[in-house]
Amino acid sequence: MKPIEKAERYTLSKLVVHNLKQYIVENGILPGQKLPAERELAQIMKVSRAILREALRSLESAGILEIRHGEGAFISANSLSPLLEQLSFAASLSGSNAGELLEIRYLLEAAAVDAALKKGGAFPFDELERLIEAAAAPGAPKPQTDEADAAFHLAVVRTLGNGSLAQLAELFIRQAATADGGPAAPARAAEEHARYVRALREANAEAAKFVLREHLRL
């Protein structure tokens, strides 16, 4: 790592952030694992503990670290969350077309289906059938049917076993699940979900993606 002790304070903190990221990668520190103690880390970075704390707080704000009082700094097990929140907020600010967001959602889920079927992934069919019933329960409040719909599609995506893709897909799935589909939406969705599951059972990726696109009205 390059010497940074002569840089001005703000730049110094940014450089320490960069070097800490490099240190984490080079040392193979994994999510959930702890960084060295503050004193040792300051010596490694060749900076004061005050500068180190600024850098650690920056990494915590970015979702890379989790700082636990009295315990130390740990690599976050969910470092994509802040990025996804920013992405969701940015989409709201930019007034992104609902159709564009649905297209992204479709592409993510369709890619997961393709990859999971190619890998021979075992879809949780019992869970999917249960969620179809929950989403179509007579008289169920919309938040309940929305949650069941989102959980159904997330269960499909998670079959691939790619946690990062699942987190990204969840953002768009949950946004779409809250769209108003009208009184007939739950019954219609149940029929489409059943066809979707049938295509997955038959390992027919093209049929599954066709039903998904129809389900999203794309």
Protein backbone atom coordinates (compact mmCIF):
# COMPACT_ATOMS: atom_id res chain seq x y z
CA MET A 1 0.00 0.00 0.00
CA LYS A 2 1.23 3.49 -0.87
CA PRO A 3 2.47 5.84 1.91
CA ILE A 4 -0.29 8.27 2.82
CA GLU A 5 0.88 10.06 5.94
CA LYS A 6 1.61 13.37 4.14
CA ALA A 7 -1.79 13.75 2.50
CA GLU A 8 -4.22 16.35 3.83
CA ARG A 9 -6.86 15.14 6.27
CA TYR A 10 -9.85 14.74 3.94
CA THR A 11 -7.80 13.11 1.21
CA LEU A 12 -6.07 11.02 3.85
CA SER A 13 -9.37 9.62 5.08
CA LYS A 14 -10.39 8.75 1.51
CA LEU A 15 -7.06 7.03 0.91
CA VAL A 16 -7.45 5.02 4.09
CA VAL A 17 -10.91 3.92 2.89
CA HIS A 18 -9.29 2.75 -0.36
CA ASN A 19 -6.47 0.99 1.46
CA LEU A 20 -8.84 -0.68 3.92
CA LYS A 21 -10.84 -2.12 1.02
CA GLN A 22 -7.59 -3.36 -0.51
CA TYR A 23 -6.52 -4.84 2.84
CA ILE A 24 -9.84 -6.68 3.22
CA VAL A 25 -9.57 -8.19 -0.26
CA GLU A 26 -5.87 -9.07 -0.03
CA ASN A 27 -6.36 -10.79 3.32
CA GLY A 28 -9.49 -12.66 2.29
CA ILE A 29 -11.60 -11.30 5.15
CA LEU A 30 -15.10 -12.64 4.62
CA PRO A 31 -18.58 -11.35 5.55
CA GLY A 32 -19.15 -11.74 9.27
CA GLN A 33 -15.43 -11.80 10.08
CA LYS A 34 -13.78 -9.18 12.27
CA LEU A 35 -11.09 -6.70 11.28
CA PRO A 36 -7.99 -6.34 13.47
CA ALA A 37 -8.33 -4.15 16.56
CA GLU A 38 -8.33 -0.39 15.99
CA ARG A 39 -4.83 0.14 17.37
CA GLU A 40 -3.35 -2.60 15.17
CA LEU A 41 -5.27 -1.41 12.13
CA ALA A 42 -4.04 2.17 12.62
CA GLN A 43 -0.47 0.86 12.67
CA ILE A 44 -1.06 -1.17 9.51
CA MET A 45 -2.52 1.87 7.73
CA LYS A 46 0.18 4.15 9.19
CA VAL A 47 -2.34 6.76 10.31
CA SER A 48 -3.74 8.10 13.57
CA ARG A 49 -6.67 6.35 15.18
CA ALA A 50 -8.81 9.47 14.58
CA ILE A 51 -8.25 9.23 10.82
CA LEU A 52 -8.84 5.48 10.94
CA ARG A 53 -12.17 5.99 12.71
CA GLU A 54 -13.29 8.41 9.97
CA ALA A 55 -12.46 5.80 7.35
CA LEU A 56 -14.23 3.04 9.28
CA ARG A 57 -17.35 5.21 9.60
CA SER A 58 -17.29 5.84 5.84
CA LEU A 59 -17.15 2.10 5.19
CA GLU A 60 -19.97 1.56 7.67
CA SER A 61 -22.12 4.17 5.87
CA ALA A 62 -21.40 2.39 2.58
CA GLY A 63 -22.64 -0.86 4.11
CA ILE A 64 -19.26 -2.56 3.84
CA LEU A 65 -18.61 -2.71 7.58
CA GLU A 66 -20.73 -3.20 10.66
CA ILE A 67 -19.27 -1.50 13.74
CA ARG A 68 -20.39 -3.12 16.99
CA HIS A 69 -19.85 -1.11 20.16
CA GLY A 70 -17.32 -2.81 22.40
CA GLU A 71 -16.61 -5.53 19.83
CA GLY A 72 -15.00 -3.90 16.81
CA ALA A 73 -15.53 -3.69 13.05
CA PHE A 74 -16.93 -6.64 11.09
CA ILE A 75 -17.41 -7.19 7.37
CA SER A 76 -21.10 -6.72 6.66
CA ALA A 77 -23.00 -9.82 5.63
CA ASN A 78 -25.47 -7.67 3.70
CA SER A 79 -23.31 -5.05 1.98
CA LEU A 80 -25.63 -4.62 -1.02
CA SER A 81 -28.50 -3.18 1.03
CA PRO A 82 -27.34 0.48 1.03
CA LEU A 83 -26.65 0.29 -2.71
CA LEU A 84 -30.10 -1.14 -3.37
CA GLU A 85 -31.75 1.54 -1.23
CA GLN A 86 -29.91 4.23 -3.22
CA LEU A 87 -30.94 2.58 -6.49
CA SER A 88 -34.58 2.48 -5.41
CA PHE A 89 -34.51 6.12 -4.31
CA ALA A 90 -32.76 7.19 -7.52
CA ALA A 91 -35.41 5.41 -9.59
CA SER A 92 -38.13 7.28 -7.68
CA LEU A 93 -36.40 10.64 -8.17
CA SER A 94 -35.85 10.10 -11.87
CA GLY A 95 -39.49 9.15 -12.37
CA SER A 96 -38.48 5.92 -14.05
CA ASN A 97 -41.21 4.48 -16.22
CA ALA A 98 -43.00 1.61 -14.43
CA GLY A 99 -42.59 -0.49 -17.56
CA GLU A 100 -38.83 -0.02 -17.47
CA LEU A 101 -38.67 -1.24 -13.87
CA LEU A 102 -40.83 -4.25 -14.72
CA GLU A 103 -38.53 -5.06 -17.64
CA ILE A 104 -35.53 -5.06 -15.30
CA ARG A 105 -37.43 -7.26 -12.88
CA TYR A 106 -38.30 -9.68 -15.69
CA LEU A 107 -34.71 -9.87 -16.93
CA LEU A 108 -33.39 -10.65 -13.44
CA GLU A 109 -35.94 -13.37 -12.69
CA ALA A 110 -35.73 -14.86 -16.19
CA ALA A 111 -31.94 -15.05 -15.92
CA ALA A 112 -32.25 -16.81 -12.55
CA VAL A 113 -34.72 -19.33 -14.01
CA ASP A 114 -32.46 -20.04 -16.99
CA ALA A 115 -29.37 -20.52 -14.84
CA ALA A 116 -31.14 -22.57 -12.15
CA LEU A 117 -32.61 -24.96 -14.72
CA LYS A 118 -29.25 -25.37 -16.44
CA LYS A 119 -27.68 -26.21 -13.08
CA GLY A 120 -30.46 -28.63 -12.23
CA GLY A 121 -31.58 -26.50 -9.30
CA ALA A 122 -34.32 -27.93 -7.08
CA PHE A 123 -37.17 -25.43 -7.00
CA PRO A 124 -39.13 -25.41 -3.69
CA PHE A 125 -42.39 -26.59 -5.25
CA ASP A 126 -44.19 -27.23 -1.95
CA GLU A 127 -43.43 -23.69 -0.82
CA LEU A 128 -44.45 -22.26 -4.20
CA GLU A 129 -47.81 -24.08 -4.07
CA ARG A 130 -48.42 -22.79 -0.53
CA LEU A 131 -47.66 -19.23 -1.61
CA ILE A 132 -50.03 -19.51 -4.59
CA GLU A 133 -52.83 -20.36 -2.15
CA ALA A 134 -51.85 -17.54 0.22
CA ALA A 135 -51.82 -14.97 -2.59
CA ALA A 136 -55.29 -16.06 -3.76
CA ALA A 137 -56.95 -16.46 -0.34
CA PRO A 138 -60.54 -15.12 -0.54
CA GLY A 139 -60.92 -11.82 1.28
CA ALA A 140 -57.21 -11.58 2.10
CA PRO A 141 -56.01 -7.97 2.51
CA LYS A 142 -53.86 -6.59 -0.29
CA PRO A 143 -50.67 -6.38 1.84
CA GLN A 144 -50.97 -10.13 2.50
CA THR A 145 -51.44 -11.00 -1.17
CA ASP A 146 -48.65 -8.60 -2.15
CA GLU A 147 -46.28 -10.27 0.30
CA ALA A 148 -47.23 -13.77 -0.86
CA ASP A 149 -46.70 -12.76 -4.49
CA ALA A 150 -43.28 -11.27 -3.72
CA ALA A 151 -42.29 -14.31 -1.64
CA PHE A 152 -43.31 -16.62 -4.51
CA HIS A 153 -41.06 -14.92 -7.03
CA LEU A 154 -38.20 -14.53 -4.54
CA ALA A 155 -38.35 -18.27 -3.84
CA VAL A 156 -37.93 -18.88 -7.57
CA VAL A 157 -34.94 -16.53 -7.84
CA ARG A 158 -33.26 -17.90 -4.69
CA THR A 159 -33.20 -21.39 -6.19
CA LEU A 160 -30.12 -20.28 -8.13
CA GLY A 161 -28.22 -19.77 -4.87
CA ASN A 162 -26.82 -16.38 -5.91
CA GLY A 163 -27.37 -14.10 -2.92
CA SER A 164 -26.35 -10.90 -4.70
CA LEU A 165 -28.74 -11.52 -7.58
CA ALA A 166 -31.51 -12.37 -5.11
CA GLN A 167 -31.02 -9.08 -3.27
CA LEU A 168 -31.08 -7.09 -6.50
CA ALA A 169 -34.15 -8.94 -7.77
CA GLU A 170 -35.94 -8.43 -4.45
CA LEU A 171 -35.81 -4.66 -4.89
CA PHE A 172 -37.73 -4.80 -8.18
CA ILE A 173 -40.00 -7.69 -7.17
CA ARG A 174 -41.24 -5.86 -4.08
CA GLN A 175 -41.78 -2.63 -6.01
CA ALA A 176 -43.87 -4.47 -8.61
CA ALA A 177 -45.81 -6.43 -5.98
CA THR A 178 -47.34 -3.23 -4.60
CA ALA A 179 -48.75 -2.12 -7.97
CA ASP A 180 -52.54 -2.06 -8.04
CA GLY A 181 -53.74 -4.95 -10.16
CA GLY A 182 -57.46 -4.41 -9.44
CA PRO A 183 -59.99 -6.77 -7.82
CA ALA A 184 -59.26 -9.66 -10.22
CA ALA A 185 -55.51 -9.54 -9.70
CA PRO A 186 -55.21 -12.29 -7.02
CA ALA A 187 -57.27 -14.86 -8.96
CA ARG A 188 -55.51 -14.02 -12.20
CA ALA A 189 -52.11 -14.20 -10.53
CA ALA A 190 -52.93 -17.61 -9.01
CA GLU A 191 -53.68 -19.05 -12.44
CA GLU A 192 -50.49 -17.58 -13.89
CA HIS A 193 -48.42 -18.77 -10.94
CA ALA A 194 -49.79 -22.29 -11.40
CA ARG A 195 -48.77 -22.27 -15.07
CA TYR A 196 -45.37 -20.89 -14.09
CA VAL A 197 -44.83 -23.72 -11.59
CA ARG A 198 -45.93 -26.28 -14.17
CA ALA A 199 -43.31 -24.98 -16.62
CA LEU A 200 -40.64 -25.12 -13.91
CA ARG A 201 -41.60 -28.70 -13.01
CA GLU A 202 -41.20 -29.59 -16.69
CA ALA A 203 -37.83 -27.77 -16.76
CA ASN A 204 -39.15 -25.73 -19.68
CA ALA A 205 -37.31 -22.42 -19.40
CA GLU A 206 -38.92 -20.85 -22.46
CA ALA A 207 -42.44 -21.66 -21.28
CA ALA A 208 -41.64 -20.37 -17.78
CA LYS A 209 -40.28 -17.09 -19.17
CA PHE A 210 -43.30 -16.72 -21.46
CA VAL A 211 -45.67 -17.05 -18.49
CA LEU A 212 -43.55 -14.65 -16.42
CA ARG A 213 -43.65 -12.01 -19.15
CA GLU A 214 -47.42 -12.47 -19.45
CA HIS A 215 -47.75 -12.25 -15.66
CA LEU A 216 -45.91 -8.92 -15.64
CA ARG A 217 -47.97 -7.63 -18.60
CA LEU A 218 -44.87 -6.95 -20.70
